[in-house]
Amino acid sequence: MVETKSITDQLTEFNKIIDDLANIDVNLEDEDKALHLLCALPKSYENFKDTMLYGKEGTVTLCLP
């Protein structure tokens, strides 16, 4: 992800990549999707990323509507 694009645009691109992978029978678990997304966040989200990765117990999952 890059700082100059909106998060909405980048999430749309992320979801397209996930859909493209599913179309070629590459299915990721929700936890893996969430981790990929968190790791791709720009530097300005570093504190949020650290909090989500290390600030709680349990697993991180991606919930899409």
C-alpha atoms as a PDB file:
ATOM      1  CA  MET A   1       0.000   0.000   0.000  1.00  0.00           C
ATOM      2  CA  VAL A   2       1.098   3.520  -0.655  1.00  0.00           C
ATOM      3  CA  GLU A   3       0.424   6.712   1.269  1.00  0.00           C
ATOM      4  CA  THR A   4      -0.869   8.574  -1.796  1.00  0.00           C
ATOM      5  CA  LYS A   5      -3.835   6.255  -2.468  1.00  0.00           C
ATOM      6  CA  SER A   6      -6.955   6.191  -0.327  1.00  0.00           C
ATOM      7  CA  ILE A   7      -7.468   3.219   1.951  1.00  0.00           C
ATOM      8  CA  THR A   8     -10.765   2.537   0.167  1.00  0.00           C
ATOM      9  CA  ASP A   9      -9.013   2.249  -3.201  1.00  0.00           C
ATOM     10  CA  GLN A  10      -6.341   0.022  -1.733  1.00  0.00           C
ATOM     11  CA  LEU A  11      -8.900  -2.227  -0.047  1.00  0.00           C
ATOM     12  CA  THR A  12     -10.726  -2.531  -3.357  1.00  0.00           C
ATOM     13  CA  GLU A  13      -7.467  -3.592  -4.995  1.00  0.00           C
ATOM     14  CA  PHE A  14      -6.757  -6.048  -2.157  1.00  0.00           C
ATOM     15  CA  ASN A  15     -10.212  -7.613  -2.532  1.00  0.00           C
ATOM     16  CA  LYS A  16      -9.703  -7.911  -6.288  1.00  0.00           C
ATOM     17  CA  ILE A  17      -6.441  -9.772  -5.711  1.00  0.00           C
ATOM     18  CA  ILE A  18      -8.174 -12.102  -3.241  1.00  0.00           C
ATOM     19  CA  ASP A  19     -10.952 -12.719  -5.797  1.00  0.00           C
ATOM     20  CA  ASP A  20      -8.398 -13.356  -8.549  1.00  0.00           C
ATOM     21  CA  LEU A  21      -6.625 -15.877  -6.340  1.00  0.00           C
ATOM     22  CA  ALA A  22      -9.919 -17.609  -5.563  1.00  0.00           C
ATOM     23  CA  ASN A  23     -10.625 -17.824  -9.311  1.00  0.00           C
ATOM     24  CA  ILE A  24      -7.469 -19.877  -9.761  1.00  0.00           C
ATOM     25  CA  ASP A  25      -8.330 -22.057  -6.745  1.00  0.00           C
ATOM     26  CA  VAL A  26      -5.964 -20.375  -4.293  1.00  0.00           C
ATOM     27  CA  ASN A  27      -8.010 -19.897  -1.149  1.00  0.00           C
ATOM     28  CA  LEU A  28      -6.601 -18.130   1.878  1.00  0.00           C
ATOM     29  CA  GLU A  29      -7.925 -18.450   5.397  1.00  0.00           C
ATOM     30  CA  ASP A  30      -9.430 -15.288   6.879  1.00  0.00           C
ATOM     31  CA  GLU A  31      -6.559 -15.019   9.364  1.00  0.00           C
ATOM     32  CA  ASP A  32      -4.012 -15.128   6.517  1.00  0.00           C
ATOM     33  CA  LYS A  33      -5.918 -12.434   4.616  1.00  0.00           C
ATOM     34  CA  ALA A  34      -5.975 -10.219   7.699  1.00  0.00           C
ATOM     35  CA  LEU A  35      -2.255 -10.677   8.297  1.00  0.00           C
ATOM     36  CA  HIS A  36      -1.407  -9.894   4.664  1.00  0.00           C
ATOM     37  CA  LEU A  37      -3.562  -6.786   4.823  1.00  0.00           C
ATOM     38  CA  LEU A  38      -2.050  -5.600   8.108  1.00  0.00           C
ATOM     39  CA  CYS A  39       1.486  -6.134   6.852  1.00  0.00           C
ATOM     40  CA  ALA A  40       0.716  -4.167   3.689  1.00  0.00           C
ATOM     41  CA  LEU A  41      -0.457  -1.063   5.544  1.00  0.00           C
ATOM     42  CA  PRO A  42       1.630   2.072   4.934  1.00  0.00           C
ATOM     43  CA  LYS A  43       4.106   3.370   7.518  1.00  0.00           C
ATOM     44  CA  SER A  44       1.576   5.879   8.885  1.00  0.00           C
ATOM     45  CA  TYR A  45      -0.466   2.927  10.207  1.00  0.00           C
ATOM     46  CA  GLU A  46       2.493   1.380  12.054  1.00  0.00           C
ATOM     47  CA  ASN A  47       0.999   1.914  15.546  1.00  0.00           C
ATOM     48  CA  PHE A  48      -2.360   0.484  14.472  1.00  0.00           C
ATOM     49  CA  LYS A  49      -0.653  -2.504  12.871  1.00  0.00           C
ATOM     50  CA  ASP A  50       1.418  -3.200  15.979  1.00  0.00           C
ATOM     51  CA  THR A  51      -1.644  -2.931  18.198  1.00  0.00           C
ATOM     52  CA  MET A  52      -3.614  -5.347  16.029  1.00  0.00           C
ATOM     53  CA  LEU A  53      -0.754  -7.844  15.751  1.00  0.00           C
ATOM     54  CA  TYR A  54       0.614  -7.768  19.278  1.00  0.00           C
ATOM     55  CA  GLY A  55      -1.868  -5.927  21.492  1.00  0.00           C
ATOM     56  CA  LYS A  56      -4.418  -8.660  22.110  1.00  0.00           C
ATOM     57  CA  GLU A  57      -4.785 -12.353  22.582  1.00  0.00           C
ATOM     58  CA  GLY A  58      -6.435 -14.620  20.054  1.00  0.00           C
ATOM     59  CA  THR A  59      -6.374 -14.533  16.308  1.00  0.00           C
ATOM     60  CA  VAL A  60      -6.821 -11.713  13.852  1.00  0.00           C
ATOM     61  CA  THR A  61      -9.381 -12.346  11.131  1.00  0.00           C
ATOM     62  CA  LEU A  62     -10.736 -10.471   8.166  1.00  0.00           C
ATOM     63  CA  CYS A  63     -14.498  -9.905   8.163  1.00  0.00           C
ATOM     64  CA  LEU A  64     -15.879  -8.761   4.839  1.00  0.00           C
ATOM     65  CA  PRO A  65     -19.491  -7.791   4.246  1.00  0.00           C
END
